[in-house]
Amino acid sequence: MQSSSYLNCFCTETKHHYRKMTKWAK
C-alpha cells in the first residue's frame, strides 16, 4: 500500500512536470 502511494505521488509529480514542460515548449 505504501509503495502504491509513493508511486501515485511520483506519477502526479511527473505529470505536473510534463505539463509544465509542454506549456514551456508550446
Protein backbone atom coordinates (compact mmCIF):
# COMPACT_ATOMS: atom_id res chain seq x y z
CA MET A 1 0.00 0.00 0.00
CA GLN A 2 2.77 2.42 0.94
CA SER A 3 4.62 1.67 -2.28
CA SER A 4 1.47 2.37 -4.29
CA SER A 5 1.02 5.72 -2.56
CA TYR A 6 4.62 6.66 -3.33
CA LEU A 7 4.21 5.61 -6.94
CA ASN A 8 1.00 7.63 -7.24
CA CYS A 9 2.73 10.71 -5.83
CA PHE A 10 5.63 10.23 -8.23
CA CYS A 11 3.22 9.84 -11.15
CA THR A 12 1.41 13.04 -10.19
CA GLU A 13 4.67 14.96 -9.89
CA THR A 14 5.87 13.64 -13.24
CA LYS A 15 2.56 14.55 -14.85
CA HIS A 16 2.82 18.10 -13.48
CA HIS A 17 6.40 18.40 -14.73
CA TYR A 18 5.40 17.07 -18.16
CA ARG A 19 2.52 19.56 -18.32
CA LYS A 20 4.85 22.41 -17.37
CA MET A 21 7.37 21.29 -19.98
CA THR A 22 4.64 21.09 -22.63
CA LYS A 23 3.45 24.58 -21.75
CA TRP A 24 7.01 25.91 -21.99
CA ALA A 25 7.60 24.10 -25.28
CA LYS A 26 4.38 25.49 -26.68
